[in-house]
């Protein structure tokens, strides 16, 4: 390189297109950029659920796996505890709060500059409440006792975590997917369904004034979710009518073969209904989060290459549409490496093969779904 060529290199950053051969840096590939860094360029944050308490084939702690933590640190800017802040894990007895596991994970996240989401102050179905709550004696004034329990729980949890939590799933899955009606539990039976939900959000606003307050549910875009989506819309309208301080809707986004009707291996036909649903939600002034993204592949082909391609295709179609809404500011996967997925135990494949629902395989290699996520974030509009 002669002096004139060297001078051009030094002048460089603003005139990269003019640099002579051998001087310019190679062009950046979208798939090589960490996902949260790619997301932040458009005003989004990317993160993942990780846990210590496991079950079934996932009994070993994901959080204490150094490879998993290194992957999280490289790719993520947000962390949520998979189970450790749910009521049945956090408070197994009325006089016991077990904060140690969540504290360990949250401290690790904050040391690395990650945001932390809280999941969840109330998981509405009775089967996910602790046994002692379902068997609690609410006494002669059941409404007052129900309110006392909720005040005690929300205030204790929110006070403990303080400003650590930037966003709370205050209530999770309050709508029955089969009917679209609100689910019943021991609290709704004493307080009323809407009254209990309203109280939960008002308590969260009082005790976590810094946090985004989210209603989280798993309605999806498939044909089996028509009643579920309608019920969620009715609930969101009621929140607005009551002045309930709900700021956002969490879209769990467990897509693919779903609980309420298979979505098959194609997204064809779902986009119009999903867009109508998101239009109505955002028209009410709610923000959106993708809180638990993965792709259930139990009805996809067994061949790995074909299966990964199908998972990536439906995942990208869903993300392209959903991320086209600038009010989506958070994207969370519910597991990054295939063996860590809850789907392995909950929805095993009929052929006995392990599911491949996450962006990385069992050897921590990036898959087509990881590319699909990166490309969808790169193509989405910038958030204000």
Protein backbone atom coordinates (compact mmCIF):
# COMPACT_ATOMS: atom_id res chain seq x y z
CA UNK A 1 0.00 0.00 0.00
CA UNK A 2 1.51 3.38 -1.01
CA UNK A 3 1.23 6.65 0.97
CA UNK A 4 -1.82 7.86 -0.94
CA UNK A 5 -3.70 4.62 -0.26
CA UNK A 6 -2.69 4.73 3.40
CA UNK A 7 -4.00 8.27 3.71
CA UNK A 8 -7.34 7.14 2.34
CA UNK A 9 -7.52 4.45 5.02
CA UNK A 10 -6.81 6.98 7.78
CA UNK A 11 -9.52 9.36 6.51
CA UNK A 12 -11.81 6.52 6.57
CA UNK A 13 -14.83 5.98 8.77
CA UNK A 14 -17.11 8.42 7.00
CA UNK A 15 -15.99 7.35 3.55
CA UNK A 16 -15.92 3.59 3.87
CA UNK A 17 -17.34 3.09 0.41
CA UNK A 18 -14.32 4.87 -1.08
CA UNK A 19 -11.68 2.75 0.64
CA UNK A 20 -9.33 0.82 -1.63
CA UNK A 21 -9.30 -2.96 -1.66
CA UNK A 22 -7.62 -4.37 1.42
CA UNK A 23 -8.48 -1.35 3.57
CA UNK A 24 -12.18 -1.58 4.39
CA UNK A 25 -13.56 -3.85 7.13
CA UNK A 26 -15.65 -6.79 5.90
CA UNK A 27 -19.39 -6.04 5.84
CA UNK A 28 -21.29 -6.95 9.00
CA UNK A 29 -23.57 -9.95 8.78
CA UNK A 30 -26.87 -9.66 10.65
CA UNK A 31 -26.60 -13.24 11.93
CA UNK A 32 -23.26 -12.46 13.59
CA UNK A 33 -24.62 -9.64 15.78
CA UNK A 34 -25.75 -10.55 19.34
CA UNK A 35 -29.54 -10.56 19.45
CA UNK A 36 -29.98 -7.86 22.10
CA UNK A 37 -27.53 -5.57 20.32
CA UNK A 38 -29.45 -6.10 17.10
CA UNK A 39 -32.72 -5.43 18.93
CA UNK A 40 -31.48 -2.24 20.58
CA UNK A 41 -30.70 -0.71 17.20
CA UNK A 42 -34.46 -0.65 16.60
CA UNK A 43 -35.59 0.25 20.13
CA UNK A 44 -36.34 -3.34 21.21
CA UNK A 45 -34.82 -5.47 23.98
CA UNK A 46 -34.19 -9.20 23.68
CA UNK A 47 -33.98 -11.63 26.58
CA UNK A 48 -34.67 -15.14 27.79
CA UNK A 49 -36.14 -17.19 30.64
CA UNK A 50 -33.67 -19.15 32.74
CA UNK A 51 -34.14 -21.19 35.88
CA UNK A 52 -32.62 -23.06 38.77
CA UNK A 53 -35.65 -25.14 39.74
CA UNK A 54 -36.24 -27.76 37.06
CA UNK A 55 -38.32 -30.88 36.53
CA UNK A 56 -38.35 -34.02 34.41
CA UNK A 57 -35.53 -34.10 31.89
CA UNK A 58 -34.66 -30.50 32.85
CA UNK A 59 -34.02 -31.17 36.54
CA UNK A 60 -30.46 -29.86 36.35
CA UNK A 61 -30.12 -26.11 36.88
CA UNK A 62 -29.79 -24.21 33.61
CA UNK A 63 -28.57 -21.15 35.46
CA UNK A 64 -25.58 -22.99 36.90
CA UNK A 65 -24.50 -24.35 33.52
CA UNK A 66 -21.53 -22.13 32.54
CA UNK A 67 -22.20 -22.61 28.82
CA UNK A 68 -25.79 -21.49 29.20
CA UNK A 69 -24.81 -18.44 31.22
CA UNK A 70 -22.17 -17.50 28.65
CA UNK A 71 -24.78 -17.76 25.90
CA UNK A 72 -27.19 -15.62 27.90
CA UNK A 73 -24.51 -13.03 28.55
CA UNK A 74 -23.60 -12.81 24.88
CA UNK A 75 -27.13 -12.70 23.46
CA UNK A 76 -29.44 -11.20 26.09
CA UNK A 77 -30.24 -7.86 27.66
CA UNK A 78 -33.22 -9.07 29.73
CA UNK A 79 -33.65 -12.00 32.13
CA UNK A 80 -36.80 -13.52 33.58
CA UNK A 81 -36.98 -16.37 36.08
CA UNK A 82 -38.75 -19.37 34.59
CA UNK A 83 -40.32 -20.56 37.88
CA UNK A 84 -38.51 -19.02 40.84
CA UNK A 85 -40.83 -16.01 41.31
CA UNK A 86 -44.10 -17.87 40.78
CA UNK A 87 -46.17 -18.13 43.94
CA UNK A 88 -45.92 -21.93 44.33
CA UNK A 89 -42.10 -21.79 44.23
CA UNK A 90 -41.59 -18.49 46.00
CA UNK A 91 -44.05 -19.05 48.85
CA UNK A 92 -44.66 -22.77 49.50
CA UNK A 93 -46.09 -22.05 52.97
CA UNK A 94 -47.88 -18.99 54.33
CA UNK A 95 -44.97 -18.05 56.58
CA UNK A 96 -42.14 -18.78 54.11
CA UNK A 97 -40.80 -16.68 51.22
CA UNK A 98 -37.90 -18.30 49.33
CA UNK A 99 -36.12 -15.45 47.58
CA UNK A 100 -32.65 -16.99 47.43
CA UNK A 101 -32.80 -18.51 43.95
CA UNK A 102 -34.33 -15.46 42.32
CA UNK A 103 -31.89 -13.18 44.16
CA UNK A 104 -28.94 -15.18 42.84
CA UNK A 105 -30.10 -14.95 39.23
CA UNK A 106 -31.13 -11.32 39.43
CA UNK A 107 -27.83 -10.24 40.99
CA UNK A 108 -25.96 -12.01 38.19
CA UNK A 109 -28.13 -10.28 35.58
CA UNK A 110 -27.75 -6.82 37.06
CA UNK A 111 -23.97 -7.19 37.35
CA UNK A 112 -23.98 -7.66 33.59
CA UNK A 113 -26.27 -4.74 32.85
CA UNK A 114 -29.36 -6.82 32.10
CA UNK A 115 -32.93 -5.77 32.80
CA UNK A 116 -35.06 -8.11 34.91
CA UNK A 117 -38.71 -9.05 34.38
CA UNK A 118 -40.94 -10.38 37.16
CA UNK A 119 -43.08 -13.46 36.43
CA UNK A 120 -45.67 -13.65 37.94
CA UNK A 121 -47.42 -12.11 40.95
CA UNK A 122 -50.57 -14.14 40.26
CA UNK A 123 -50.89 -17.23 38.06
CA UNK A 124 -54.66 -17.35 37.92
CA UNK A 125 -55.59 -21.04 37.45
CA UNK A 126 -56.17 -22.81 40.78
CA UNK A 127 -53.81 -25.65 39.88
CA UNK A 128 -50.87 -23.23 39.87
CA UNK A 129 -51.58 -21.79 43.31
CA UNK A 130 -49.94 -23.44 46.34
CA UNK A 131 -51.96 -26.12 48.09
CA UNK A 132 -52.11 -24.03 51.25
CA UNK A 133 -53.73 -21.14 49.36
CA UNK A 134 -56.43 -23.36 47.87
CA UNK A 135 -57.12 -24.86 51.32
CA UNK A 136 -56.91 -21.59 53.25
CA UNK A 137 -59.64 -20.80 55.78
CA UNK A 138 -61.02 -17.42 54.74
CA UNK A 139 -63.11 -17.18 57.91
CA UNK A 140 -66.22 -15.17 58.66
CA UNK A 141 -65.17 -12.25 56.44
CA UNK A 142 -63.82 -14.02 53.34
CA UNK A 143 -63.47 -10.93 51.14
CA UNK A 144 -61.43 -9.11 53.76
CA UNK A 145 -59.20 -12.15 54.32
CA UNK A 146 -58.69 -12.63 50.57
CA UNK A 147 -57.64 -9.00 50.23
CA UNK A 148 -55.31 -9.34 53.22
CA UNK A 149 -53.53 -12.31 51.63
CA UNK A 150 -53.08 -10.50 48.32
CA UNK A 151 -51.83 -7.32 49.98
CA UNK A 152 -49.37 -9.36 52.02
CA UNK A 153 -48.07 -11.26 49.01
CA UNK A 154 -47.75 -8.39 46.55
CA UNK A 155 -46.29 -5.94 49.05
CA UNK A 156 -43.73 -8.46 50.36
CA UNK A 157 -42.55 -9.55 46.90
CA UNK A 158 -42.44 -6.05 45.41
CA UNK A 159 -40.72 -4.60 48.46
CA UNK A 160 -38.09 -7.35 48.39
CA UNK A 161 -37.15 -6.94 44.72
CA UNK A 162 -37.63 -3.16 44.66
CA UNK A 163 -36.26 -1.41 41.59
CA UNK A 164 -34.64 -4.63 40.35
CA UNK A 165 -37.83 -5.50 38.46
CA UNK A 166 -38.40 -3.28 35.43
CA UNK A 167 -41.54 -5.08 34.22
CA UNK A 168 -44.02 -7.36 36.03
CA UNK A 169 -46.40 -9.96 34.69
CA UNK A 170 -48.86 -9.00 37.40
CA UNK A 171 -51.50 -11.55 36.39
CA UNK A 172 -50.95 -14.57 34.16
CA UNK A 173 -53.61 -16.47 32.19
CA UNK A 174 -56.88 -15.19 33.66
CA UNK A 175 -58.98 -16.12 30.60
CA UNK A 176 -60.25 -19.68 30.06
CA UNK A 177 -59.20 -20.60 26.50
CA UNK A 178 -62.12 -22.97 26.00
CA UNK A 179 -64.85 -20.43 26.80
CA UNK A 180 -63.28 -16.97 26.76
CA UNK A 181 -64.66 -16.41 30.26
CA UNK A 182 -62.60 -15.42 33.30
CA UNK A 183 -61.17 -18.28 35.33
CA UNK A 184 -62.26 -18.84 38.95
CA UNK A 185 -59.98 -19.39 41.94
CA UNK A 186 -60.19 -18.95 45.69
CA UNK A 187 -59.68 -15.20 45.35
CA UNK A 188 -62.25 -14.58 42.62
CA UNK A 189 -64.75 -16.62 44.65
CA UNK A 190 -64.35 -14.21 47.58
CA UNK A 191 -63.79 -10.92 45.76
CA UNK A 192 -65.31 -11.30 42.28
CA UNK A 193 -63.36 -11.99 39.11
CA UNK A 194 -62.88 -8.46 37.81
CA UNK A 195 -62.49 -7.12 41.33
CA UNK A 196 -59.62 -9.49 42.12
CA UNK A 197 -57.77 -8.59 38.90
CA UNK A 198 -58.27 -4.88 39.46
CA UNK A 199 -56.96 -5.20 43.03
CA UNK A 200 -53.85 -7.06 41.86
CA UNK A 201 -52.87 -4.30 39.44
CA UNK A 202 -53.60 -1.52 41.92
CA UNK A 203 -51.47 -3.25 44.54
CA UNK A 204 -48.66 -3.71 42.01
CA UNK A 205 -48.85 -0.04 41.07
CA UNK A 206 -48.66 0.95 44.74
CA UNK A 207 -45.76 -1.33 45.65
CA UNK A 208 -43.80 -1.34 42.37
CA UNK A 209 -44.29 2.22 41.09
CA UNK A 210 -41.25 2.00 38.80
CA UNK A 211 -42.32 -1.17 36.95
CA UNK A 212 -44.24 -1.70 33.74
CA UNK A 213 -47.44 -3.58 34.65
CA UNK A 214 -48.37 -6.37 32.24
CA UNK A 215 -51.32 -8.72 31.80
CA UNK A 216 -49.82 -11.91 30.30
CA UNK A 217 -51.67 -14.67 28.41
CA UNK A 218 -50.97 -17.40 25.86
CA UNK A 219 -53.67 -16.71 23.27
CA UNK A 220 -52.06 -17.31 19.90
CA UNK A 221 -52.89 -16.55 16.27
CA UNK A 222 -54.24 -20.00 15.33
CA UNK A 223 -57.81 -21.06 14.64
CA UNK A 224 -58.15 -22.69 18.06
CA UNK A 225 -57.76 -19.36 19.84
CA UNK A 226 -60.82 -17.45 18.60
CA UNK A 227 -62.66 -17.57 21.95
CA UNK A 228 -59.45 -17.00 23.86
CA UNK A 229 -58.59 -13.85 21.92
CA UNK A 230 -62.15 -12.54 22.28
CA UNK A 231 -62.01 -13.09 26.03
CA UNK A 232 -58.69 -11.28 26.33
CA UNK A 233 -60.08 -8.32 24.38
CA UNK A 234 -63.12 -8.19 26.66
CA UNK A 235 -60.83 -8.19 29.70
CA UNK A 236 -58.63 -5.42 28.29
CA UNK A 237 -61.70 -3.30 27.57
CA UNK A 238 -62.90 -3.87 31.15
CA UNK A 239 -59.50 -2.80 32.50
CA UNK A 240 -59.85 0.48 30.61
CA UNK A 241 -63.46 0.95 31.79
CA UNK A 242 -62.40 0.50 35.42
CA UNK A 243 -59.24 2.55 35.13
CA UNK A 244 -57.15 -0.48 36.14
CA UNK A 245 -53.46 0.49 35.81
CA UNK A 246 -52.52 -2.09 33.14
CA UNK A 247 -49.91 -0.79 30.73
CA UNK A 248 -49.21 -3.69 28.40
CA UNK A 249 -50.35 -7.05 27.09
CA UNK A 250 -47.85 -9.90 27.22
CA UNK A 251 -48.14 -12.21 24.21
CA UNK A 252 -46.68 -15.51 25.37
CA UNK A 253 -46.20 -16.62 21.74
CA UNK A 254 -45.96 -20.38 22.21
CA UNK A 255 -46.68 -21.09 18.55
CA UNK A 256 -46.67 -24.18 16.36
CA UNK A 257 -48.58 -27.19 17.69
CA UNK A 258 -50.63 -25.55 20.43
CA UNK A 259 -52.89 -26.50 23.30
CA UNK A 260 -56.02 -25.29 21.55
CA UNK A 261 -55.63 -26.53 18.02
CA UNK A 262 -52.62 -27.19 15.84
CA UNK A 263 -51.22 -24.36 13.78
CA UNK A 264 -49.51 -26.95 11.62
CA UNK A 265 -46.25 -26.13 9.87
CA UNK A 266 -47.48 -23.02 8.08
CA UNK A 267 -48.67 -19.58 9.13
CA UNK A 268 -50.98 -19.30 6.15
CA UNK A 269 -54.36 -17.85 7.01
CA UNK A 270 -53.55 -16.59 10.52
CA UNK A 271 -52.13 -13.17 9.73
CA UNK A 272 -55.42 -11.30 9.10
CA UNK A 273 -57.05 -12.35 12.40
CA UNK A 274 -53.85 -11.75 14.37
CA UNK A 275 -53.47 -8.28 12.89
CA UNK A 276 -57.08 -7.45 13.77
CA UNK A 277 -56.44 -8.59 17.34
CA UNK A 278 -53.25 -6.53 17.71
CA UNK A 279 -54.92 -3.51 16.11
CA UNK A 280 -57.70 -3.59 18.70
CA UNK A 281 -55.27 -4.05 21.60
CA UNK A 282 -53.04 -1.16 20.55
CA UNK A 283 -56.04 1.06 19.79
CA UNK A 284 -56.88 0.83 23.50
CA UNK A 285 -53.44 2.28 24.28
CA UNK A 286 -51.71 -0.90 25.44
CA UNK A 287 -48.07 -1.64 24.74
CA UNK A 288 -47.10 -5.17 23.71
CA UNK A 289 -44.43 -7.66 24.75
CA UNK A 290 -43.54 -11.04 23.30
CA UNK A 291 -42.91 -12.74 26.62
CA UNK A 292 -42.37 -16.49 26.04
CA UNK A 293 -41.53 -17.22 22.40
CA UNK A 294 -40.85 -20.75 21.17
CA UNK A 295 -42.14 -23.09 18.44
CA UNK A 296 -43.72 -26.43 19.38
CA UNK A 297 -42.61 -28.84 16.65
CA UNK A 298 -44.35 -32.05 17.74
CA UNK A 299 -46.36 -32.22 14.49
CA UNK A 300 -43.48 -31.17 12.23
CA UNK A 301 -41.43 -33.64 10.14
CA UNK A 302 -38.96 -35.82 12.01
CA UNK A 303 -36.08 -35.03 9.66
CA UNK A 304 -33.95 -32.43 11.44
CA UNK A 305 -33.19 -30.23 8.43
CA UNK A 306 -36.82 -30.13 7.29
CA UNK A 307 -38.06 -29.62 10.84
CA UNK A 308 -35.68 -26.75 11.59
CA UNK A 309 -36.65 -25.09 8.31
CA UNK A 310 -40.35 -25.37 9.16
CA UNK A 311 -39.82 -24.05 12.69
CA UNK A 312 -37.84 -21.09 11.34
CA UNK A 313 -40.42 -20.33 8.64
CA UNK A 314 -43.43 -20.19 10.97
CA UNK A 315 -41.37 -18.38 13.61
CA UNK A 316 -40.25 -15.71 11.17
CA UNK A 317 -43.77 -15.24 9.79
CA UNK A 318 -45.09 -14.70 13.31
CA UNK A 319 -42.27 -12.35 14.31
CA UNK A 320 -42.38 -10.36 11.07
CA UNK A 321 -46.05 -9.58 11.65
CA UNK A 322 -45.92 -9.03 15.41
CA UNK A 323 -42.72 -6.97 15.41
CA UNK A 324 -44.18 -4.74 12.71
CA UNK A 325 -46.05 -3.10 15.62
CA UNK A 326 -43.71 -0.50 17.15
CA UNK A 327 -45.49 -0.89 20.49
CA UNK A 328 -43.68 -4.24 20.87
CA UNK A 329 -40.55 -3.28 22.82
CA UNK A 330 -39.55 -6.61 24.39
CA UNK A 331 -38.95 -10.04 22.87
CA UNK A 332 -38.29 -12.93 25.28
CA UNK A 333 -37.61 -16.54 24.31
CA UNK A 334 -38.70 -19.24 26.78
CA UNK A 335 -35.44 -21.13 26.58
CA UNK A 336 -32.47 -20.71 24.24
CA UNK A 337 -31.10 -24.25 23.98
CA UNK A 338 -33.40 -27.10 22.89
CA UNK A 339 -32.92 -29.49 25.87
CA UNK A 340 -33.88 -26.72 28.33
CA UNK A 341 -37.36 -26.27 26.84
CA UNK A 342 -40.45 -26.94 28.94
CA UNK A 343 -41.94 -28.54 25.81
CA UNK A 344 -39.67 -31.59 26.13
CA UNK A 345 -41.62 -32.81 29.17
CA UNK A 346 -45.01 -31.19 28.62
CA UNK A 347 -45.54 -31.99 24.93
CA UNK A 348 -43.28 -34.84 23.79
CA UNK A 349 -43.27 -35.74 20.11
CA UNK A 350 -45.22 -38.90 19.09
CA UNK A 351 -42.09 -40.28 17.40
CA UNK A 352 -40.05 -39.95 20.61
CA UNK A 353 -37.55 -37.51 19.10
CA UNK A 354 -36.64 -34.48 21.22
CA UNK A 355 -38.28 -31.22 20.32
CA UNK A 356 -36.23 -28.50 18.61
CA UNK A 357 -38.21 -25.37 19.59
CA UNK A 358 -35.41 -22.96 20.52
CA UNK A 359 -32.79 -20.90 18.65
CA UNK A 360 -29.85 -23.13 19.68
CA UNK A 361 -29.44 -26.91 19.51
CA UNK A 362 -28.20 -29.31 22.18
CA UNK A 363 -24.59 -28.60 21.19
CA UNK A 364 -25.12 -24.84 21.55
CA UNK A 365 -25.02 -24.37 17.79
CA UNK A 366 -27.23 -21.63 16.28
CA UNK A 367 -30.14 -22.96 14.24
CA UNK A 368 -32.34 -21.59 11.50
CA UNK A 369 -34.70 -20.19 14.15
CA UNK A 370 -31.89 -18.03 15.53
CA UNK A 371 -31.34 -16.64 12.02
CA UNK A 372 -35.08 -16.04 11.65
CA UNK A 373 -35.20 -14.07 14.91
CA UNK A 374 -32.20 -11.95 13.86
CA UNK A 375 -33.61 -11.24 10.40
CA UNK A 376 -37.05 -10.34 11.80
CA UNK A 377 -35.50 -7.86 14.25
CA UNK A 378 -33.28 -6.40 11.51
CA UNK A 379 -36.30 -5.86 9.25
CA UNK A 380 -38.72 -4.43 11.84
CA UNK A 381 -39.45 -0.70 12.02
CA UNK A 382 -37.61 1.49 14.50
CA UNK A 383 -39.42 2.16 17.78
CA UNK A 384 -39.81 5.79 18.77
